[in-house]
PDB file of all heavy atoms in Angstrom:
ATOM      1  N   ALA A   1     111.935 145.869  -3.723  1.00  0.00           N
ATOM      2  CA  ALA A   1     112.404 144.928  -2.685  1.00  0.00           C
ATOM      3  C   ALA A   1     111.946 145.325  -1.300  1.00  0.00           C
ATOM      4  O   ALA A   1     111.767 144.441  -0.432  1.00  0.00           O
ATOM      5  CB  ALA A   1     113.931 144.838  -2.734  1.00  0.00           C
ATOM      6  N   ARG A   2     111.742 146.591  -1.052  1.00  0.00           N
ATOM      7  CA  ARG A   2     111.295 147.025   0.284  1.00  0.00           C
ATOM      8  C   ARG A   2     109.942 146.432   0.655  1.00  0.00           C
ATOM      9  O   ARG A   2     109.633 146.247   1.826  1.00  0.00           O
ATOM     10  CB  ARG A   2     111.240 148.552   0.346  1.00  0.00           C
ATOM     11  CG  ARG A   2     112.611 149.218   0.201  1.00  0.00           C
ATOM     12  CD  ARG A   2     112.533 150.723   0.270  1.00  0.00           C
ATOM     13  NE  ARG A   2     112.172 151.179   1.611  1.00  0.00           N
ATOM     14  CZ  ARG A   2     112.017 152.461   1.939  1.00  0.00           C
ATOM     15  NH1 ARG A   2     112.195 153.390   1.035  1.00  0.00           N
ATOM     16  NH2 ARG A   2     111.690 152.796   3.152  1.00  0.00           N
ATOM     17  N   ASN A   3     109.156 146.073  -0.345  1.00  0.00           N
ATOM     18  CA  ASN A   3     107.849 145.465  -0.078  1.00  0.00           C
ATOM     19  C   ASN A   3     107.946 144.060   0.494  1.00  0.00           C
ATOM     20  O   ASN A   3     106.947 143.525   1.002  1.00  0.00           O
ATOM     21  CB  ASN A   3     107.018 145.433  -1.374  1.00  0.00           C
ATOM     22  CG  ASN A   3     106.669 146.816  -1.874  1.00  0.00           C
ATOM     23  OD1 ASN A   3     106.235 147.673  -1.115  1.00  0.00           O
ATOM     24  ND2 ASN A   3     106.865 147.054  -3.150  1.00  0.00           N
ATOM     25  N   LEU A   4     109.131 143.469   0.402  1.00  0.00           N
ATOM     26  CA  LEU A   4     109.311 142.098   0.893  1.00  0.00           C
ATOM     27  C   LEU A   4     109.607 142.044   2.387  1.00  0.00           C
ATOM     28  O   LEU A   4     109.584 140.965   2.989  1.00  0.00           O
ATOM     29  CB  LEU A   4     110.477 141.419   0.141  1.00  0.00           C
ATOM     30  CG  LEU A   4     110.302 141.304  -1.372  1.00  0.00           C
ATOM     31  CD1 LEU A   4     111.613 140.812  -1.984  1.00  0.00           C
ATOM     32  CD2 LEU A   4     109.171 140.351  -1.717  1.00  0.00           C
ATOM     33  N   ALA A   5     109.860 143.182   3.012  1.00  0.00           N
ATOM     34  CA  ALA A   5     110.293 143.204   4.407  1.00  0.00           C
ATOM     35  C   ALA A   5     109.394 142.461   5.374  1.00  0.00           C
ATOM     36  O   ALA A   5     109.890 141.827   6.320  1.00  0.00           O
ATOM     37  CB  ALA A   5     110.484 144.660   4.851  1.00  0.00           C
ATOM     38  N   PRO A   6     108.056 142.472   5.217  1.00  0.00           N
ATOM     39  CA  PRO A   6     107.199 141.741   6.189  1.00  0.00           C
ATOM     40  C   PRO A   6     107.501 140.251   6.276  1.00  0.00           C
ATOM     41  O   PRO A   6     107.212 139.634   7.297  1.00  0.00           O
ATOM     42  CB  PRO A   6     105.781 141.988   5.643  1.00  0.00           C
ATOM     43  CG  PRO A   6     105.875 143.274   4.899  1.00  0.00           C
ATOM     44  CD  PRO A   6     107.238 143.251   4.266  1.00  0.00           C
ATOM     45  N   LEU A   7     108.095 139.690   5.244  1.00  0.00           N
ATOM     46  CA  LEU A   7     108.407 138.258   5.264  1.00  0.00           C
ATOM     47  C   LEU A   7     109.393 137.907   6.382  1.00  0.00           C
ATOM     48  O   LEU A   7     109.334 136.817   6.952  1.00  0.00           O
ATOM     49  CB  LEU A   7     108.977 137.809   3.920  1.00  0.00           C
ATOM     50  CG  LEU A   7     108.052 137.948   2.705  1.00  0.00           C
ATOM     51  CD1 LEU A   7     108.810 137.589   1.440  1.00  0.00           C
ATOM     52  CD2 LEU A   7     106.803 137.097   2.865  1.00  0.00           C
ATOM     53  N   ARG A   8     110.277 138.836   6.680  1.00  0.00           N
ATOM     54  CA  ARG A   8     111.280 138.568   7.722  1.00  0.00           C
ATOM     55  C   ARG A   8     110.635 138.326   9.083  1.00  0.00           C
ATOM     56  O   ARG A   8     111.124 137.512   9.879  1.00  0.00           O
ATOM     57  CB  ARG A   8     112.282 139.715   7.810  1.00  0.00           C
ATOM     58  CG  ARG A   8     113.109 139.926   6.540  1.00  0.00           C
ATOM     59  CD  ARG A   8     114.028 141.131   6.689  1.00  0.00           C
ATOM     60  NE  ARG A   8     114.908 140.972   7.820  1.00  0.00           N
ATOM     61  CZ  ARG A   8     115.569 141.979   8.396  1.00  0.00           C
ATOM     62  NH1 ARG A   8     115.387 143.223   7.977  1.00  0.00           N
ATOM     63  NH2 ARG A   8     116.374 141.753   9.414  1.00  0.00           N
ATOM     64  N   ASP A   9     109.541 139.031   9.351  1.00  0.00           N
ATOM     65  CA  ASP A   9     108.843 138.858  10.625  1.00  0.00           C
ATOM     66  C   ASP A   9     108.121 137.519  10.708  1.00  0.00           C
ATOM     67  O   ASP A   9     107.691 137.112  11.787  1.00  0.00           O
ATOM     68  CB  ASP A   9     107.849 140.004  10.830  1.00  0.00           C
ATOM     69  CG  ASP A   9     108.547 141.340  11.032  1.00  0.00           C
ATOM     70  OD1 ASP A   9     109.627 141.350  11.658  1.00  0.00           O
ATOM     71  OD2 ASP A   9     108.016 142.353  10.563  1.00  0.00           O
ATOM     72  N   ARG A  10     107.976 136.860   9.584  1.00  0.00           N
ATOM     73  CA  ARG A  10     107.333 135.555   9.529  1.00  0.00           C
ATOM     74  C   ARG A  10     108.349 134.423   9.482  1.00  0.00           C
ATOM     75  O   ARG A  10     108.005 133.257   9.227  1.00  0.00           O
ATOM     76  CB  ARG A  10     106.403 135.460   8.339  1.00  0.00           C
ATOM     77  CG  ARG A  10     105.194 136.391   8.418  1.00  0.00           C
ATOM     78  CD  ARG A  10     104.221 136.116   7.279  1.00  0.00           C
ATOM     79  NE  ARG A  10     104.003 134.696   7.103  1.00  0.00           N
ATOM     80  CZ  ARG A  10     104.352 133.998   5.997  1.00  0.00           C
ATOM     81  NH1 ARG A  10     104.956 134.622   5.001  1.00  0.00           N
ATOM     82  NH2 ARG A  10     104.105 132.723   5.907  1.00  0.00           N
ATOM     83  N   GLY A  11     109.623 134.754   9.702  1.00  0.00           N
ATOM     84  CA  GLY A  11     110.634 133.710   9.747  1.00  0.00           C
ATOM     85  C   GLY A  11     111.174 133.296   8.384  1.00  0.00           C
ATOM     86  O   GLY A  11     111.786 132.245   8.257  1.00  0.00           O
ATOM     87  N   VAL A  12     110.943 134.127   7.360  1.00  0.00           N
ATOM     88  CA  VAL A  12     111.439 133.824   6.023  1.00  0.00           C
ATOM     89  C   VAL A  12     112.826 134.447   5.850  1.00  0.00           C
ATOM     90  O   VAL A  12     113.016 135.638   6.129  1.00  0.00           O
ATOM     91  CB  VAL A  12     110.489 134.350   4.929  1.00  0.00           C
ATOM     92  CG1 VAL A  12     111.062 134.129   3.533  1.00  0.00           C
ATOM     93  CG2 VAL A  12     109.114 133.675   5.047  1.00  0.00           C
ATOM     94  N   LEU A  13     113.761 133.641   5.392  1.00  0.00           N
ATOM     95  CA  LEU A  13     115.098 134.139   5.092  1.00  0.00           C
ATOM     96  C   LEU A  13     115.104 134.681   3.660  1.00  0.00           C
ATOM     97  O   LEU A  13     114.838 133.950   2.703  1.00  0.00           O
ATOM     98  CB  LEU A  13     116.136 133.023   5.210  1.00  0.00           C
ATOM     99  CG  LEU A  13     117.559 133.372   4.748  1.00  0.00           C
ATOM    100  CD1 LEU A  13     118.161 134.467   5.617  1.00  0.00           C
ATOM    101  CD2 LEU A  13     118.455 132.133   4.733  1.00  0.00           C
ATOM    102  N   ILE A  14     115.379 135.977   3.522  1.00  0.00           N
ATOM    103  CA  ILE A  14     115.530 136.582   2.210  1.00  0.00           C
ATOM    104  C   ILE A  14     117.015 136.542   1.876  1.00  0.00           C
ATOM    105  O   ILE A  14     117.851 137.119   2.601  1.00  0.00           O
ATOM    106  CB  ILE A  14     114.986 138.017   2.191  1.00  0.00           C
ATOM    107  CG1 ILE A  14     113.500 138.021   2.607  1.00  0.00           C
ATOM    108  CG2 ILE A  14     115.144 138.629   0.803  1.00  0.00           C
ATOM    109  CD1 ILE A  14     112.903 139.424   2.696  1.00  0.00           C
ATOM    110  N   LEU A  15     117.339 135.833   0.814  1.00  0.00           N
ATOM    111  CA  LEU A  15     118.731 135.572   0.432  1.00  0.00           C
ATOM    112  C   LEU A  15     118.992 136.131  -0.948  1.00  0.00           C
ATOM    113  O   LEU A  15     118.328 135.783  -1.927  1.00  0.00           O
ATOM    114  CB  LEU A  15     118.979 134.059   0.446  1.00  0.00           C
ATOM    115  CG  LEU A  15     120.375 133.568   0.031  1.00  0.00           C
ATOM    116  CD1 LEU A  15     121.402 133.953   1.082  1.00  0.00           C
ATOM    117  CD2 LEU A  15     120.359 132.057  -0.166  1.00  0.00           C
ATOM    118  N   GLY A  16     119.956 137.030  -1.060  1.00  0.00           N
ATOM    119  CA  GLY A  16     120.415 137.508  -2.361  1.00  0.00           C
ATOM    120  C   GLY A  16     121.687 136.807  -2.735  1.00  0.00           C
ATOM    121  O   GLY A  16     122.576 136.601  -1.908  1.00  0.00           O
ATOM    122  N   SER A  17     121.799 136.403  -3.983  1.00  0.00           N
ATOM    123  CA  SER A  17     122.983 135.668  -4.435  1.00  0.00           C
ATOM    124  C   SER A  17     123.497 136.263  -5.738  1.00  0.00           C
ATOM    125  O   SER A  17     122.816 136.253  -6.758  1.00  0.00           O
ATOM    126  CB  SER A  17     122.625 134.178  -4.637  1.00  0.00           C
ATOM    127  OG  SER A  17     123.750 133.450  -5.065  1.00  0.00           O
ATOM    128  N   GLY A  18     124.699 136.818  -5.660  1.00  0.00           N
ATOM    129  CA  GLY A  18     125.326 137.415  -6.837  1.00  0.00           C
ATOM    130  C   GLY A  18     126.781 137.659  -6.515  1.00  0.00           C
ATOM    131  O   GLY A  18     127.446 136.830  -5.923  1.00  0.00           O
ATOM    132  N   ASN A  19     127.289 138.843  -6.868  1.00  0.00           N
ATOM    133  CA  ASN A  19     128.636 139.258  -6.480  1.00  0.00           C
ATOM    134  C   ASN A  19     128.709 140.773  -6.614  1.00  0.00           C
ATOM    135  O   ASN A  19     128.323 141.312  -7.653  1.00  0.00           O
ATOM    136  CB  ASN A  19     129.729 138.630  -7.357  1.00  0.00           C
ATOM    137  CG  ASN A  19     129.751 137.132  -7.281  1.00  0.00           C
ATOM    138  OD1 ASN A  19     129.160 136.442  -8.125  1.00  0.00           O
ATOM    139  ND2 ASN A  19     130.414 136.586  -6.266  1.00  0.00           N
ATOM    140  N   ILE A  20     129.193 141.445  -5.584  1.00  0.00           N
ATOM    141  CA  ILE A  20     129.306 142.900  -5.639  1.00  0.00           C
ATOM    142  C   ILE A  20     130.274 143.323  -6.724  1.00  0.00           C
ATOM    143  O   ILE A  20     130.055 144.303  -7.432  1.00  0.00           O
ATOM    144  CB  ILE A  20     129.718 143.451  -4.253  1.00  0.00           C
ATOM    145  CG1 ILE A  20     128.552 143.291  -3.260  1.00  0.00           C
ATOM    146  CG2 ILE A  20     130.125 144.925  -4.344  1.00  0.00           C
ATOM    147  CD1 ILE A  20     128.888 143.675  -1.832  1.00  0.00           C
ATOM    148  N   VAL A  21     131.360 142.592  -6.870  1.00  0.00           N
ATOM    149  CA  VAL A  21     132.293 142.780  -7.987  1.00  0.00           C
ATOM    150  C   VAL A  21     132.234 141.514  -8.828  1.00  0.00           C
ATOM    151  O   VAL A  21     132.462 140.423  -8.311  1.00  0.00           O
ATOM    152  CB  VAL A  21     133.733 143.032  -7.503  1.00  0.00           C
ATOM    153  CG1 VAL A  21     134.674 143.137  -8.704  1.00  0.00           C
ATOM    154  CG2 VAL A  21     133.812 144.281  -6.628  1.00  0.00           C
ATOM    155  N   HIS A  22     131.913 141.684 -10.119  1.00  0.00           N
ATOM    156  CA  HIS A  22     131.776 140.492 -10.992  1.00  0.00           C
ATOM    157  C   HIS A  22     132.146 140.904 -12.403  1.00  0.00           C
ATOM    158  O   HIS A  22     131.331 141.417 -13.150  1.00  0.00           O
ATOM    159  CB  HIS A  22     130.346 139.967 -10.926  1.00  0.00           C
ATOM    160  CG  HIS A  22     130.136 138.690 -11.698  1.00  0.00           C
ATOM    161  ND1 HIS A  22     129.735 138.662 -13.017  1.00  0.00           N
ATOM    162  CD2 HIS A  22     130.263 137.397 -11.312  1.00  0.00           C
ATOM    163  CE1 HIS A  22     129.619 137.408 -13.423  1.00  0.00           C
ATOM    164  NE2 HIS A  22     129.949 136.626 -12.397  1.00  0.00           N
ATOM    165  N   ASN A  23     133.412 140.652 -12.760  1.00  0.00           N
ATOM    166  CA  ASN A  23     133.895 140.987 -14.102  1.00  0.00           C
ATOM    167  C   ASN A  23     134.605 139.768 -14.688  1.00  0.00           C
ATOM    168  O   ASN A  23     135.764 139.503 -14.351  1.00  0.00           O
ATOM    169  CB  ASN A  23     134.827 142.194 -14.067  1.00  0.00           C
ATOM    170  CG  ASN A  23     135.163 142.693 -15.443  1.00  0.00           C
ATOM    171  OD1 ASN A  23     135.234 141.929 -16.402  1.00  0.00           O
ATOM    172  ND2 ASN A  23     135.378 144.009 -15.577  1.00  0.00           N
ATOM    173  N   LEU A  24     133.897 139.010 -15.511  1.00  0.00           N
ATOM    174  CA  LEU A  24     134.476 137.792 -16.091  1.00  0.00           C
ATOM    175  C   LEU A  24     135.484 138.091 -17.186  1.00  0.00           C
ATOM    176  O   LEU A  24     136.310 137.229 -17.513  1.00  0.00           O
ATOM    177  CB  LEU A  24     133.367 136.883 -16.633  1.00  0.00           C
ATOM    178  CG  LEU A  24     132.428 136.278 -15.586  1.00  0.00           C
ATOM    179  CD1 LEU A  24     131.395 135.381 -16.261  1.00  0.00           C
ATOM    180  CD2 LEU A  24     133.206 135.487 -14.526  1.00  0.00           C
ATOM    181  N   HIS A  25     135.446 139.294 -17.749  1.00  0.00           N
ATOM    182  CA  HIS A  25     136.408 139.640 -18.803  1.00  0.00           C
ATOM    183  C   HIS A  25     137.824 139.766 -18.231  1.00  0.00           C
ATOM    184  O   HIS A  25     138.806 139.572 -18.957  1.00  0.00           O
ATOM    185  CB  HIS A  25     136.010 140.942 -19.477  1.00  0.00           C
ATOM    186  CG  HIS A  25     134.731 140.845 -20.246  1.00  0.00           C
ATOM    187  ND1 HIS A  25     134.601 140.085 -21.407  1.00  0.00           N
ATOM    188  CD2 HIS A  25     133.510 141.395 -20.031  1.00  0.00           C
ATOM    189  CE1 HIS A  25     133.372 140.197 -21.873  1.00  0.00           C
ATOM    190  NE2 HIS A  25     132.683 140.970 -21.037  1.00  0.00           N
ATOM    191  N   THR A  26     137.933 140.081 -16.955  1.00  0.00           N
ATOM    192  CA  THR A  26     139.250 140.221 -16.321  1.00  0.00           C
ATOM    193  C   THR A  26     139.543 139.065 -15.364  1.00  0.00           C
ATOM    194  O   THR A  26     140.504 139.122 -14.615  1.00  0.00           O
ATOM    195  CB  THR A  26     139.324 141.556 -15.554  1.00  0.00           C
ATOM    196  OG1 THR A  26     138.244 141.609 -14.589  1.00  0.00           O
ATOM    197  CG2 THR A  26     139.187 142.740 -16.495  1.00  0.00           C
ATOM    198  N   TYR A  27     138.715 138.046 -15.412  1.00  0.00           N
ATOM    199  CA  TYR A  27     138.825 136.900 -14.495  1.00  0.00           C
ATOM    200  C   TYR A  27     140.073 136.081 -14.802  1.00  0.00           C
ATOM    201  O   TYR A  27     140.318 135.726 -15.956  1.00  0.00           O
ATOM    202  CB  TYR A  27     137.573 136.042 -14.638  1.00  0.00           C
ATOM    203  CG  TYR A  27     137.344 134.986 -13.603  1.00  0.00           C
ATOM    204  CD1 TYR A  27     137.212 135.318 -12.262  1.00  0.00           C
ATOM    205  CD2 TYR A  27     137.174 133.654 -13.971  1.00  0.00           C
ATOM    206  CE1 TYR A  27     136.946 134.343 -11.314  1.00  0.00           C
ATOM    207  CE2 TYR A  27     136.899 132.670 -13.027  1.00  0.00           C
ATOM    208  CZ  TYR A  27     136.780 133.020 -11.699  1.00  0.00           C
ATOM    209  OH  TYR A  27     136.514 132.051 -10.769  1.00  0.00           O
ATOM    210  N   SER A  28     140.860 135.786 -13.788  1.00  0.00           N
ATOM    211  CA  SER A  28     142.082 134.982 -13.962  1.00  0.00           C
ATOM    212  C   SER A  28     141.713 133.493 -13.809  1.00  0.00           C
ATOM    213  O   SER A  28     141.881 132.910 -12.762  1.00  0.00           O
ATOM    214  CB  SER A  28     143.124 135.380 -12.918  1.00  0.00           C
ATOM    215  OG  SER A  28     143.460 136.737 -13.031  1.00  0.00           O
ATOM    216  N   TRP A  29     141.158 132.940 -14.868  1.00  0.00           N
ATOM    217  CA  TRP A  29     140.591 131.594 -14.806  1.00  0.00           C
ATOM    218  C   TRP A  29     141.543 130.589 -14.232  1.00  0.00           C
ATOM    219  O   TRP A  29     142.659 130.409 -14.714  1.00  0.00           O
ATOM    220  CB  TRP A  29     140.143 131.145 -16.183  1.00  0.00           C
ATOM    221  CG  TRP A  29     138.993 131.953 -16.711  1.00  0.00           C
ATOM    222  CD1 TRP A  29     139.085 133.060 -17.533  1.00  0.00           C
ATOM    223  CD2 TRP A  29     137.610 131.768 -16.458  1.00  0.00           C
ATOM    224  NE1 TRP A  29     137.833 133.569 -17.784  1.00  0.00           N
ATOM    225  CE2 TRP A  29     136.908 132.788 -17.140  1.00  0.00           C
ATOM    226  CE3 TRP A  29     136.898 130.830 -15.697  1.00  0.00           C
ATOM    227  CZ2 TRP A  29     135.523 132.890 -17.098  1.00  0.00           C
ATOM    228  CZ3 TRP A  29     135.511 130.931 -15.677  1.00  0.00           C
ATOM    229  CH2 TRP A  29     134.849 131.955 -16.358  1.00  0.00           C
ATOM    230  N   GLY A  30     141.120 129.929 -13.168  1.00  0.00           N
ATOM    231  CA  GLY A  30     141.913 128.851 -12.556  1.00  0.00           C
ATOM    232  C   GLY A  30     142.967 129.311 -11.588  1.00  0.00           C
ATOM    233  O   GLY A  30     143.582 128.506 -10.901  1.00  0.00           O
ATOM    234  N   LYS A  31     143.212 130.627 -11.480  1.00  0.00           N
ATOM    235  CA  LYS A  31     144.241 131.148 -10.580  1.00  0.00           C
ATOM    236  C   LYS A  31     143.559 131.720  -9.343  1.00  0.00           C
ATOM    237  O   LYS A  31     143.439 132.944  -9.167  1.00  0.00           O
ATOM    238  CB  LYS A  31     145.091 132.200 -11.284  1.00  0.00           C
ATOM    239  CG  LYS A  31     145.818 131.684 -12.508  1.00  0.00           C
ATOM    240  CD  LYS A  31     146.619 132.799 -13.180  1.00  0.00           C
ATOM    241  CE  LYS A  31     147.328 132.282 -14.435  1.00  0.00           C
ATOM    242  NZ  LYS A  31     148.082 133.370 -15.114  1.00  0.00           N
ATOM    243  N   HIS A  32     143.096 130.811  -8.469  1.00  0.00           N
ATOM    244  CA  HIS A  32     142.262 131.247  -7.350  1.00  0.00           C
ATOM    245  C   HIS A  32     143.013 132.114  -6.337  1.00  0.00           C
ATOM    246  O   HIS A  32     142.397 132.757  -5.498  1.00  0.00           O
ATOM    247  CB  HIS A  32     141.675 130.014  -6.642  1.00  0.00           C
ATOM    248  CG  HIS A  32     140.819 129.191  -7.564  1.00  0.00           C
ATOM    249  ND1 HIS A  32     139.626 129.660  -8.049  1.00  0.00           N
ATOM    250  CD2 HIS A  32     140.972 127.945  -8.069  1.00  0.00           C
ATOM    251  CE1 HIS A  32     139.070 128.730  -8.815  1.00  0.00           C
ATOM    252  NE2 HIS A  32     139.871 127.699  -8.861  1.00  0.00           N
ATOM    253  N   ASP A  33     144.339 132.104  -6.400  1.00  0.00           N
ATOM    254  CA  ASP A  33     145.110 132.928  -5.488  1.00  0.00           C
ATOM    255  C   ASP A  33     145.576 134.236  -6.138  1.00  0.00           C
ATOM    256  O   ASP A  33     146.423 134.953  -5.597  1.00  0.00           O
ATOM    257  CB  ASP A  33     146.335 132.163  -4.964  1.00  0.00           C
ATOM    258  CG  ASP A  33     147.249 131.669  -6.083  1.00  0.00           C
ATOM    259  OD1 ASP A  33     146.850 131.738  -7.266  1.00  0.00           O
ATOM    260  OD2 ASP A  33     148.364 131.190  -5.762  1.00  0.00           O
ATOM    261  N   ALA A  34     145.023 134.550  -7.314  1.00  0.00           N
ATOM    262  CA  ALA A  34     145.387 135.799  -7.996  1.00  0.00           C
ATOM    263  C   ALA A  34     144.998 136.990  -7.132  1.00  0.00           C
ATOM    264  O   ALA A  34     143.922 137.032  -6.540  1.00  0.00           O
ATOM    265  CB  ALA A  34     144.712 135.888  -9.362  1.00  0.00           C
ATOM    266  N   ASP A  35     145.866 137.984  -7.079  1.00  0.00           N
ATOM    267  CA  ASP A  35     145.568 139.177  -6.302  1.00  0.00           C
ATOM    268  C   ASP A  35     144.400 139.939  -6.927  1.00  0.00           C
ATOM    269  O   ASP A  35     144.309 140.051  -8.168  1.00  0.00           O
ATOM    270  CB  ASP A  35     146.779 140.096  -6.249  1.00  0.00           C
ATOM    271  CG  ASP A  35     147.915 139.513  -5.420  1.00  0.00           C
ATOM    272  OD1 ASP A  35     147.630 138.694  -4.535  1.00  0.00           O
ATOM    273  OD2 ASP A  35     149.080 139.887  -5.673  1.00  0.00           O
ATOM    274  N   PRO A  36     143.507 140.470  -6.111  1.00  0.00           N
ATOM    275  CA  PRO A  36     142.409 141.264  -6.679  1.00  0.00           C
ATOM    276  C   PRO A  36     142.931 142.531  -7.331  1.00  0.00           C
ATOM    277  O   PRO A  36     143.929 143.108  -6.907  1.00  0.00           O
ATOM    278  CB  PRO A  36     141.540 141.576  -5.451  1.00  0.00           C
ATOM    279  CG  PRO A  36     142.437 141.392  -4.260  1.00  0.00           C
ATOM    280  CD  PRO A  36     143.423 140.342  -4.649  1.00  0.00           C
ATOM    281  N   TYR A  37     142.236 142.956  -8.356  1.00  0.00           N
ATOM    282  CA  TYR A  37     142.601 144.178  -9.063  1.00  0.00           C
ATOM    283  C   TYR A  37     142.397 145.392  -8.135  1.00  0.00           C
ATOM    284  O   TYR A  37     141.522 145.389  -7.287  1.00  0.00           O
ATOM    285  CB  TYR A  37     141.758 144.345 -10.320  1.00  0.00           C
ATOM    286  CG  TYR A  37     142.067 143.339 -11.414  1.00  0.00           C
ATOM    287  CD1 TYR A  37     141.327 142.159 -11.510  1.00  0.00           C
ATOM    288  CD2 TYR A  37     143.060 143.577 -12.332  1.00  0.00           C
ATOM    289  CE1 TYR A  37     141.589 141.232 -12.502  1.00  0.00           C
ATOM    290  CE2 TYR A  37     143.366 142.655 -13.325  1.00  0.00           C
ATOM    291  CZ  TYR A  37     142.615 141.488 -13.404  1.00  0.00           C
ATOM    292  OH  TYR A  37     142.894 140.576 -14.388  1.00  0.00           O
ATOM    293  N   ASP A  38     143.218 146.405  -8.363  1.00  0.00           N
ATOM    294  CA  ASP A  38     143.117 147.605  -7.528  1.00  0.00           C
ATOM    295  C   ASP A  38     141.730 148.227  -7.635  1.00  0.00           C
ATOM    296  O   ASP A  38     141.164 148.696  -6.639  1.00  0.00           O
ATOM    297  CB  ASP A  38     144.183 148.632  -7.942  1.00  0.00           C
ATOM    298  CG  ASP A  38     145.596 148.194  -7.560  1.00  0.00           C
ATOM    299  OD1 ASP A  38     145.718 147.266  -6.733  1.00  0.00           O
ATOM    300  OD2 ASP A  38     146.547 148.778  -8.091  1.00  0.00           O
ATOM    301  N   TRP A  39     141.175 148.260  -8.862  1.00  0.00           N
ATOM    302  CA  TRP A  39     139.878 148.883  -9.044  1.00  0.00           C
ATOM    303  C   TRP A  39     138.778 148.083  -8.307  1.00  0.00           C
ATOM    304  O   TRP A  39     137.816 148.672  -7.818  1.00  0.00           O
ATOM    305  CB  TRP A  39     139.517 149.024 -10.520  1.00  0.00           C
ATOM    306  CG  TRP A  39     139.734 147.807 -11.382  1.00  0.00           C
ATOM    307  CD1 TRP A  39     140.814 147.526 -12.173  1.00  0.00           C
ATOM    308  CD2 TRP A  39     138.829 146.691 -11.535  1.00  0.00           C
ATOM    309  NE1 TRP A  39     140.662 146.323 -12.821  1.00  0.00           N
ATOM    310  CE2 TRP A  39     139.443 145.789 -12.456  1.00  0.00           C
ATOM    311  CE3 TRP A  39     137.589 146.377 -11.027  1.00  0.00           C
ATOM    312  CZ2 TRP A  39     138.839 144.593 -12.836  1.00  0.00           C
ATOM    313  CZ3 TRP A  39     136.976 145.170 -11.391  1.00  0.00           C
ATOM    314  CH2 TRP A  39     137.596 144.309 -12.288  1.00  0.00           C
ATOM    315  N   ALA A  40     138.949 146.758  -8.233  1.00  0.00           N
ATOM    316  CA  ALA A  40     137.968 145.938  -7.517  1.00  0.00           C
ATOM    317  C   ALA A  40     138.026 146.203  -6.018  1.00  0.00           C
ATOM    318  O   ALA A  40     136.983 146.340  -5.347  1.00  0.00           O
ATOM    319  CB  ALA A  40     138.229 144.455  -7.794  1.00  0.00           C
ATOM    320  N   LEU A  41     139.230 146.343  -5.492  1.00  0.00           N
ATOM    321  CA  LEU A  41     139.386 146.643  -4.066  1.00  0.00           C
ATOM    322  C   LEU A  41     138.834 148.024  -3.736  1.00  0.00           C
ATOM    323  O   LEU A  41     138.169 148.208  -2.714  1.00  0.00           O
ATOM    324  CB  LEU A  41     140.868 146.578  -3.697  1.00  0.00           C
ATOM    325  CG  LEU A  41     141.511 145.185  -3.675  1.00  0.00           C
ATOM    326  CD1 LEU A  41     142.999 145.299  -3.494  1.00  0.00           C
ATOM    327  CD2 LEU A  41     140.902 144.336  -2.554  1.00  0.00           C
ATOM    328  N   ARG A  42     139.093 148.989  -4.623  1.00  0.00           N
ATOM    329  CA  ARG A  42     138.609 150.344  -4.365  1.00  0.00           C
ATOM    330  C   ARG A  42     137.091 150.385  -4.387  1.00  0.00           C
ATOM    331  O   ARG A  42     136.464 151.036  -3.548  1.00  0.00           O
ATOM    332  CB  ARG A  42     139.185 151.330  -5.398  1.00  0.00           C
ATOM    333  CG  ARG A  42     140.663 151.652  -5.200  1.00  0.00           C
ATOM    334  CD  ARG A  42     141.070 152.860  -6.023  1.00  0.00           C
ATOM    335  NE  ARG A  42     140.874 152.648  -7.448  1.00  0.00           N
ATOM    336  CZ  ARG A  42     141.829 152.219  -8.277  1.00  0.00           C
ATOM    337  NH1 ARG A  42     143.038 151.966  -7.814  1.00  0.00           N
ATOM    338  NH2 ARG A  42     141.572 152.059  -9.574  1.00  0.00           N
ATOM    339  N   PHE A  43     136.462 149.691  -5.340  1.00  0.00           N
ATOM    340  CA  PHE A  43     135.006 149.716  -5.415  1.00  0.00           C
ATOM    341  C   PHE A  43     134.393 149.033  -4.205  1.00  0.00           C
ATOM    342  O   PHE A  43     133.427 149.567  -3.617  1.00  0.00           O
ATOM    343  CB  PHE A  43     134.506 149.053  -6.701  1.00  0.00           C
ATOM    344  CG  PHE A  43     133.012 149.058  -6.807  1.00  0.00           C
ATOM    345  CD1 PHE A  43     132.326 150.241  -7.002  1.00  0.00           C
ATOM    346  CD2 PHE A  43     132.278 147.877  -6.688  1.00  0.00           C
ATOM    347  CE1 PHE A  43     130.932 150.265  -7.080  1.00  0.00           C
ATOM    348  CE2 PHE A  43     130.883 147.886  -6.763  1.00  0.00           C
ATOM    349  CZ  PHE A  43     130.221 149.081  -6.958  1.00  0.00           C
TER     350      PHE A  43
END
């Protein structure tokens, strides 16, 4: 990824899309106000 850095000087937006914490096995489906897990907060 470091090789992509020159693109920024040319006005290119480098956008990463994912999630730093992403565990669907523990996902509280549909409960958008569920409190985050302690391990997720710590990480």
